[in-house]
Amino acid sequence: MRYEVTQDLITGNSLIDSEHRQLFAAVNDLMDACSQGRGRDQIQQTVRFLNDYVMKHFGDEERLQTQSKYPNYPAHKQFHDGYRRQLSQVTQELLQQGATVKALGDLNNVVAVLVSHIRTEDKRLARHVKES
């Protein structure tokens, strides 16, 4: 399964949308490498990127929220904090076990949670930022 920022995931905020594209590209690169038998070579690079980039991306979103006085900031921040922990746990499993079917499935599940979050919460945030 490939991840793309489809029309239903576009928030309308260029920073948020470009960062989502970069995150999806990193996951897609790892999945492609795995399907070509190069997963072990790609894991370290992808895991490092995903964790660093999620920190940056969530930081950027949280900055937008505080600057625009976003009323749902506490709940959005709580999601971000939990997601960081969840991503860290899944990526540690990838580093320890390699690109197993289970580890890649767990990564897909984590990405699916993010897709759902983008579809609802990030779009709501982008509307608020645009209107403020």
N, C-alpha and C. Protein backbone atom coordinates (compact mmCIF):
# COMPACT_ATOMS: atom_id res chain seq x y z
N MET A 1 0.83 -1.18 0.00
CA MET A 1 0.00 0.00 0.00
C MET A 1 0.88 1.24 0.00
N ARG A 2 0.60 2.15 -0.90
CA ARG A 2 1.34 3.40 -0.98
C ARG A 2 0.52 4.52 -0.32
N TYR A 3 1.22 5.41 0.33
CA TYR A 3 0.57 6.54 0.98
C TYR A 3 0.76 7.78 0.13
N GLU A 4 -0.33 8.49 -0.08
CA GLU A 4 -0.30 9.73 -0.84
C GLU A 4 -1.21 10.74 -0.18
N VAL A 5 -0.87 12.01 -0.35
CA VAL A 5 -1.75 13.06 0.14
C VAL A 5 -2.82 13.27 -0.93
N THR A 6 -3.91 12.56 -0.76
CA THR A 6 -5.02 12.64 -1.70
C THR A 6 -5.91 13.84 -1.34
N GLN A 7 -6.85 14.13 -2.19
CA GLN A 7 -7.71 15.30 -2.00
C GLN A 7 -8.35 15.34 -0.61
N ASP A 8 -8.76 14.20 -0.10
CA ASP A 8 -9.40 14.18 1.22
C ASP A 8 -8.41 14.43 2.37
N LEU A 9 -7.11 14.45 2.07
CA LEU A 9 -6.11 14.70 3.10
C LEU A 9 -5.47 16.08 2.98
N ILE A 10 -5.80 16.81 1.95
CA ILE A 10 -5.22 18.14 1.77
C ILE A 10 -5.89 19.10 2.75
N THR A 11 -5.07 19.74 3.56
CA THR A 11 -5.59 20.64 4.58
C THR A 11 -5.78 22.06 4.04
N GLY A 12 -5.03 22.39 3.00
CA GLY A 12 -5.06 23.76 2.50
C GLY A 12 -3.97 24.62 3.10
N ASN A 13 -3.22 24.08 4.07
CA ASN A 13 -2.09 24.80 4.64
C ASN A 13 -0.83 24.22 3.99
N SER A 14 -0.10 25.06 3.27
CA SER A 14 1.03 24.55 2.47
C SER A 14 2.10 23.89 3.33
N LEU A 15 2.38 24.44 4.51
CA LEU A 15 3.40 23.84 5.38
C LEU A 15 2.96 22.45 5.83
N ILE A 16 1.76 22.35 6.35
CA ILE A 16 1.26 21.07 6.85
C ILE A 16 1.21 20.04 5.72
N ASP A 17 0.67 20.44 4.56
CA ASP A 17 0.54 19.50 3.44
C ASP A 17 1.90 19.03 2.92
N SER A 18 2.86 19.95 2.83
CA SER A 18 4.18 19.54 2.33
C SER A 18 4.86 18.59 3.31
N GLU A 19 4.68 18.82 4.60
CA GLU A 19 5.27 17.92 5.60
C GLU A 19 4.60 16.55 5.57
N HIS A 20 3.30 16.51 5.37
CA HIS A 20 2.62 15.22 5.26
C HIS A 20 3.16 14.45 4.06
N ARG A 21 3.38 15.13 2.94
CA ARG A 21 3.93 14.46 1.75
C ARG A 21 5.30 13.85 2.04
N GLN A 22 6.14 14.59 2.76
CA GLN A 22 7.47 14.09 3.08
C GLN A 22 7.41 12.87 4.00
N LEU A 23 6.52 12.90 4.97
CA LEU A 23 6.37 11.76 5.87
C LEU A 23 5.91 10.52 5.10
N PHE A 24 4.92 10.69 4.24
CA PHE A 24 4.42 9.57 3.45
C PHE A 24 5.50 9.03 2.52
N ALA A 25 6.29 9.93 1.93
CA ALA A 25 7.36 9.49 1.03
C ALA A 25 8.37 8.61 1.76
N ALA A 26 8.69 8.96 2.99
CA ALA A 26 9.66 8.16 3.76
C ALA A 26 9.12 6.76 4.02
N VAL A 27 7.85 6.67 4.40
CA VAL A 27 7.25 5.35 4.64
C VAL A 27 7.20 4.57 3.33
N ASN A 28 6.81 5.22 2.25
CA ASN A 28 6.76 4.55 0.94
C ASN A 28 8.13 4.05 0.52
N ASP A 29 9.17 4.83 0.77
CA ASP A 29 10.53 4.41 0.42
C ASP A 29 10.91 3.13 1.16
N LEU A 30 10.55 3.06 2.44
CA LEU A 30 10.85 1.86 3.22
C LEU A 30 10.07 0.67 2.68
N MET A 31 8.80 0.85 2.41
CA MET A 31 7.98 -0.26 1.89
C MET A 31 8.51 -0.73 0.53
N ASP A 32 8.91 0.21 -0.32
CA ASP A 32 9.49 -0.14 -1.62
C ASP A 32 10.78 -0.94 -1.43
N ALA A 33 11.62 -0.48 -0.52
CA ALA A 33 12.89 -1.17 -0.27
C ALA A 33 12.62 -2.59 0.23
N CYS A 34 11.62 -2.75 1.08
CA CYS A 34 11.28 -4.08 1.59
C CYS A 34 10.80 -4.99 0.48
N SER A 35 9.99 -4.47 -0.40
CA SER A 35 9.47 -5.30 -1.49
C SER A 35 10.56 -5.68 -2.48
N GLN A 36 11.67 -4.94 -2.46
CA GLN A 36 12.80 -5.24 -3.35
C GLN A 36 13.91 -5.98 -2.62
N GLY A 37 13.63 -6.39 -1.38
CA GLY A 37 14.63 -7.14 -0.62
C GLY A 37 15.72 -6.28 -0.02
N ARG A 38 15.52 -4.98 0.03
CA ARG A 38 16.52 -4.06 0.59
C ARG A 38 16.05 -3.40 1.88
N GLY A 39 15.05 -3.99 2.54
CA GLY A 39 14.46 -3.39 3.73
C GLY A 39 15.44 -3.16 4.86
N ARG A 40 16.29 -4.15 5.11
CA ARG A 40 17.26 -4.01 6.21
C ARG A 40 18.21 -2.84 5.99
N ASP A 41 18.55 -2.58 4.72
CA ASP A 41 19.43 -1.46 4.41
C ASP A 41 18.76 -0.12 4.64
N GLN A 42 17.46 -0.06 4.50
CA GLN A 42 16.70 1.19 4.55
C GLN A 42 16.15 1.51 5.94
N ILE A 43 16.04 0.50 6.79
CA ILE A 43 15.35 0.69 8.07
C ILE A 43 15.95 1.80 8.92
N GLN A 44 17.24 1.76 9.16
CA GLN A 44 17.86 2.74 10.06
C GLN A 44 17.60 4.16 9.59
N GLN A 45 17.82 4.39 8.31
CA GLN A 45 17.63 5.72 7.73
C GLN A 45 16.17 6.17 7.87
N THR A 46 15.24 5.30 7.56
CA THR A 46 13.82 5.65 7.60
C THR A 46 13.36 5.89 9.04
N VAL A 47 13.75 5.03 9.95
CA VAL A 47 13.34 5.16 11.35
C VAL A 47 13.85 6.48 11.92
N ARG A 48 15.09 6.79 11.66
CA ARG A 48 15.67 8.05 12.15
C ARG A 48 14.89 9.24 11.56
N PHE A 49 14.66 9.18 10.25
CA PHE A 49 13.93 10.26 9.60
C PHE A 49 12.52 10.41 10.17
N LEU A 50 11.79 9.30 10.28
CA LEU A 50 10.40 9.37 10.75
C LEU A 50 10.31 9.99 12.14
N ASN A 51 11.13 9.53 13.05
CA ASN A 51 11.08 10.07 14.41
C ASN A 51 11.48 11.54 14.45
N ASP A 52 12.55 11.90 13.75
CA ASP A 52 12.98 13.31 13.72
C ASP A 52 11.93 14.18 13.06
N TYR A 53 11.40 13.69 11.96
CA TYR A 53 10.47 14.51 11.20
C TYR A 53 9.13 14.66 11.89
N VAL A 54 8.67 13.62 12.56
CA VAL A 54 7.42 13.74 13.31
C VAL A 54 7.61 14.78 14.43
N MET A 55 8.75 14.78 15.06
CA MET A 55 9.02 15.79 16.09
C MET A 55 8.95 17.19 15.48
N LYS A 56 9.58 17.37 14.33
CA LYS A 56 9.57 18.68 13.67
C LYS A 56 8.16 19.05 13.23
N HIS A 57 7.49 18.13 12.57
CA HIS A 57 6.16 18.40 12.04
C HIS A 57 5.17 18.73 13.16
N PHE A 58 5.16 17.93 14.21
CA PHE A 58 4.25 18.20 15.31
C PHE A 58 4.61 19.53 15.99
N GLY A 59 5.89 19.82 16.08
CA GLY A 59 6.30 21.11 16.63
C GLY A 59 5.79 22.26 15.79
N ASP A 60 5.88 22.12 14.47
CA ASP A 60 5.36 23.15 13.57
C ASP A 60 3.85 23.32 13.74
N GLU A 61 3.13 22.20 13.81
CA GLU A 61 1.68 22.27 14.00
C GLU A 61 1.33 22.90 15.34
N GLU A 62 2.05 22.53 16.37
CA GLU A 62 1.75 23.07 17.70
C GLU A 62 2.04 24.57 17.77
N ARG A 63 3.06 25.01 17.05
CA ARG A 63 3.36 26.44 16.97
C ARG A 63 2.21 27.18 16.28
N LEU A 64 1.72 26.62 15.17
CA LEU A 64 0.57 27.21 14.48
C LEU A 64 -0.63 27.30 15.42
N GLN A 65 -0.82 26.26 16.22
CA GLN A 65 -1.96 26.22 17.13
C GLN A 65 -1.86 27.30 18.21
N THR A 66 -0.70 27.45 18.80
CA THR A 66 -0.57 28.45 19.86
C THR A 66 -0.63 29.86 19.28
N GLN A 67 -0.02 30.07 18.10
CA GLN A 67 -0.04 31.39 17.48
C GLN A 67 -1.46 31.81 17.10
N SER A 68 -2.28 30.86 16.68
CA SER A 68 -3.64 31.18 16.23
C SER A 68 -4.66 30.99 17.34
N LYS A 69 -4.19 30.66 18.54
CA LYS A 69 -5.07 30.42 19.69
C LYS A 69 -6.13 29.36 19.36
N TYR A 70 -5.65 28.26 18.85
CA TYR A 70 -6.51 27.14 18.45
C TYR A 70 -7.21 26.56 19.68
N PRO A 71 -8.54 26.53 19.69
CA PRO A 71 -9.24 26.08 20.90
C PRO A 71 -9.07 24.58 21.21
N ASN A 72 -8.73 23.77 20.23
CA ASN A 72 -8.56 22.33 20.46
C ASN A 72 -7.09 21.96 20.70
N TYR A 73 -6.28 22.95 21.02
CA TYR A 73 -4.85 22.68 21.21
C TYR A 73 -4.57 21.60 22.25
N PRO A 74 -5.18 21.64 23.43
CA PRO A 74 -4.84 20.61 24.43
C PRO A 74 -5.07 19.18 23.92
N ALA A 75 -6.19 18.93 23.27
CA ALA A 75 -6.47 17.58 22.77
C ALA A 75 -5.54 17.22 21.62
N HIS A 76 -5.25 18.19 20.75
CA HIS A 76 -4.36 17.94 19.62
C HIS A 76 -2.95 17.62 20.12
N LYS A 77 -2.50 18.38 21.10
CA LYS A 77 -1.17 18.15 21.69
C LYS A 77 -1.12 16.79 22.37
N GLN A 78 -2.19 16.42 23.05
CA GLN A 78 -2.25 15.11 23.71
C GLN A 78 -2.12 14.00 22.67
N PHE A 79 -2.81 14.14 21.53
CA PHE A 79 -2.67 13.16 20.45
C PHE A 79 -1.22 13.10 19.99
N HIS A 80 -0.62 14.27 19.74
CA HIS A 80 0.77 14.30 19.27
C HIS A 80 1.70 13.59 20.24
N ASP A 81 1.55 13.84 21.53
CA ASP A 81 2.42 13.21 22.53
C ASP A 81 2.28 11.69 22.51
N GLY A 82 1.04 11.22 22.45
CA GLY A 82 0.81 9.78 22.39
C GLY A 82 1.33 9.17 21.10
N TYR A 83 1.18 9.90 20.01
CA TYR A 83 1.63 9.40 18.72
C TYR A 83 3.15 9.29 18.68
N ARG A 84 3.83 10.27 19.24
CA ARG A 84 5.30 10.21 19.31
C ARG A 84 5.75 8.94 20.02
N ARG A 85 5.10 8.64 21.14
CA ARG A 85 5.45 7.43 21.90
C ARG A 85 5.16 6.17 21.08
N GLN A 86 4.01 6.15 20.44
CA GLN A 86 3.62 4.98 19.64
C GLN A 86 4.59 4.78 18.47
N LEU A 87 4.94 5.86 17.77
CA LEU A 87 5.88 5.75 16.65
C LEU A 87 7.24 5.29 17.14
N SER A 88 7.69 5.80 18.25
CA SER A 88 8.98 5.40 18.81
C SER A 88 9.00 3.91 19.11
N GLN A 89 7.92 3.42 19.70
CA GLN A 89 7.83 2.00 20.05
C GLN A 89 7.87 1.14 18.78
N VAL A 90 7.11 1.50 17.78
CA VAL A 90 7.05 0.71 16.53
C VAL A 90 8.39 0.76 15.80
N THR A 91 9.01 1.92 15.77
CA THR A 91 10.28 2.01 15.05
C THR A 91 11.40 1.29 15.80
N GLN A 92 11.35 1.26 17.14
CA GLN A 92 12.33 0.47 17.90
C GLN A 92 12.18 -1.01 17.57
N GLU A 93 10.94 -1.45 17.41
CA GLU A 93 10.68 -2.84 17.03
C GLU A 93 11.27 -3.12 15.65
N LEU A 94 11.12 -2.19 14.75
CA LEU A 94 11.71 -2.36 13.41
C LEU A 94 13.23 -2.48 13.48
N LEU A 95 13.84 -1.65 14.31
CA LEU A 95 15.30 -1.70 14.44
C LEU A 95 15.77 -3.01 15.07
N GLN A 96 15.02 -3.50 16.05
CA GLN A 96 15.42 -4.71 16.74
C GLN A 96 15.14 -5.98 15.94
N GLN A 97 13.97 -6.03 15.30
CA GLN A 97 13.55 -7.26 14.63
C GLN A 97 13.78 -7.24 13.13
N GLY A 98 14.01 -6.06 12.58
CA GLY A 98 14.15 -5.96 11.14
C GLY A 98 12.78 -5.79 10.49
N ALA A 99 12.78 -5.85 9.18
CA ALA A 99 11.56 -5.60 8.41
C ALA A 99 10.69 -6.85 8.35
N THR A 100 10.23 -7.29 9.51
CA THR A 100 9.35 -8.45 9.55
C THR A 100 7.95 -8.04 9.11
N VAL A 101 7.16 -9.01 8.75
CA VAL A 101 5.78 -8.73 8.35
C VAL A 101 5.03 -8.04 9.50
N LYS A 102 5.26 -8.52 10.73
CA LYS A 102 4.59 -7.93 11.89
C LYS A 102 5.03 -6.48 12.10
N ALA A 103 6.32 -6.23 12.04
CA ALA A 103 6.83 -4.87 12.27
C ALA A 103 6.32 -3.91 11.20
N LEU A 104 6.32 -4.35 9.95
CA LEU A 104 5.82 -3.49 8.88
C LEU A 104 4.31 -3.29 9.00
N GLY A 105 3.60 -4.31 9.45
CA GLY A 105 2.17 -4.17 9.70
C GLY A 105 1.90 -3.17 10.81
N ASP A 106 2.71 -3.22 11.86
CA ASP A 106 2.57 -2.27 12.96
C ASP A 106 2.84 -0.84 12.46
N LEU A 107 3.84 -0.68 11.60
CA LEU A 107 4.14 0.63 11.04
C LEU A 107 2.95 1.11 10.20
N ASN A 108 2.39 0.23 9.39
CA ASN A 108 1.22 0.59 8.60
C ASN A 108 0.06 1.03 9.50
N ASN A 109 -0.13 0.34 10.61
CA ASN A 109 -1.20 0.72 11.54
C ASN A 109 -0.97 2.11 12.12
N VAL A 110 0.28 2.42 12.45
CA VAL A 110 0.61 3.73 12.99
C VAL A 110 0.37 4.81 11.93
N VAL A 111 0.74 4.52 10.70
CA VAL A 111 0.51 5.49 9.62
C VAL A 111 -0.99 5.67 9.39
N ALA A 112 -1.76 4.60 9.48
CA ALA A 112 -3.21 4.70 9.30
C ALA A 112 -3.83 5.61 10.36
N VAL A 113 -3.33 5.55 11.58
CA VAL A 113 -3.81 6.45 12.64
C VAL A 113 -3.52 7.89 12.25
N LEU A 114 -2.34 8.13 11.72
CA LEU A 114 -1.97 9.48 11.30
C LEU A 114 -2.87 9.96 10.16
N VAL A 115 -3.15 9.08 9.20
CA VAL A 115 -4.02 9.45 8.08
C VAL A 115 -5.39 9.87 8.60
N SER A 116 -5.93 9.12 9.54
CA SER A 116 -7.22 9.47 10.12
C SER A 116 -7.15 10.81 10.84
N HIS A 117 -6.08 11.06 11.55
CA HIS A 117 -5.87 12.33 12.26
C HIS A 117 -5.80 13.49 11.26
N ILE A 118 -5.09 13.28 10.17
CA ILE A 118 -4.97 14.33 9.14
C ILE A 118 -6.36 14.65 8.58
N ARG A 119 -7.09 13.60 8.27
CA ARG A 119 -8.39 13.75 7.62
C ARG A 119 -9.37 14.57 8.47
N THR A 120 -9.23 14.50 9.78
CA THR A 120 -10.18 15.22 10.64
C THR A 120 -9.51 16.39 11.35
N GLU A 121 -8.59 16.10 12.24
CA GLU A 121 -8.03 17.12 13.12
C GLU A 121 -7.14 18.13 12.40
N ASP A 122 -6.27 17.66 11.52
CA ASP A 122 -5.38 18.61 10.83
C ASP A 122 -6.15 19.51 9.88
N LYS A 123 -7.18 18.97 9.26
CA LYS A 123 -8.00 19.80 8.39
C LYS A 123 -8.74 20.87 9.21
N ARG A 124 -9.21 20.50 10.38
CA ARG A 124 -9.87 21.44 11.28
C ARG A 124 -8.88 22.53 11.72
N LEU A 125 -7.67 22.12 12.06
CA LEU A 125 -6.64 23.09 12.44
C LEU A 125 -6.35 24.05 11.30
N ALA A 126 -6.17 23.54 10.10
CA ALA A 126 -5.85 24.40 8.95
C ALA A 126 -6.96 25.42 8.69
N ARG A 127 -8.20 24.99 8.83
CA ARG A 127 -9.32 25.93 8.66
C ARG A 127 -9.26 27.04 9.70
N HIS A 128 -8.96 26.65 10.95
CA HIS A 128 -8.88 27.64 12.02
C HIS A 128 -7.74 28.64 11.74
N VAL A 129 -6.59 28.14 11.34
CA VAL A 129 -5.44 29.01 11.07
C VAL A 129 -5.78 29.98 9.94
N LYS A 130 -6.42 29.49 8.92
CA LYS A 130 -6.79 30.32 7.77
C LYS A 130 -7.78 31.42 8.18
N GLU A 131 -8.69 31.08 9.08
CA GLU A 131 -9.72 32.03 9.50
C GLU A 131 -9.24 33.01 10.57
N SER A 132 -8.13 32.69 11.21
CA SER A 132 -7.68 33.58 12.31
C SER A 132 -6.79 34.70 11.81
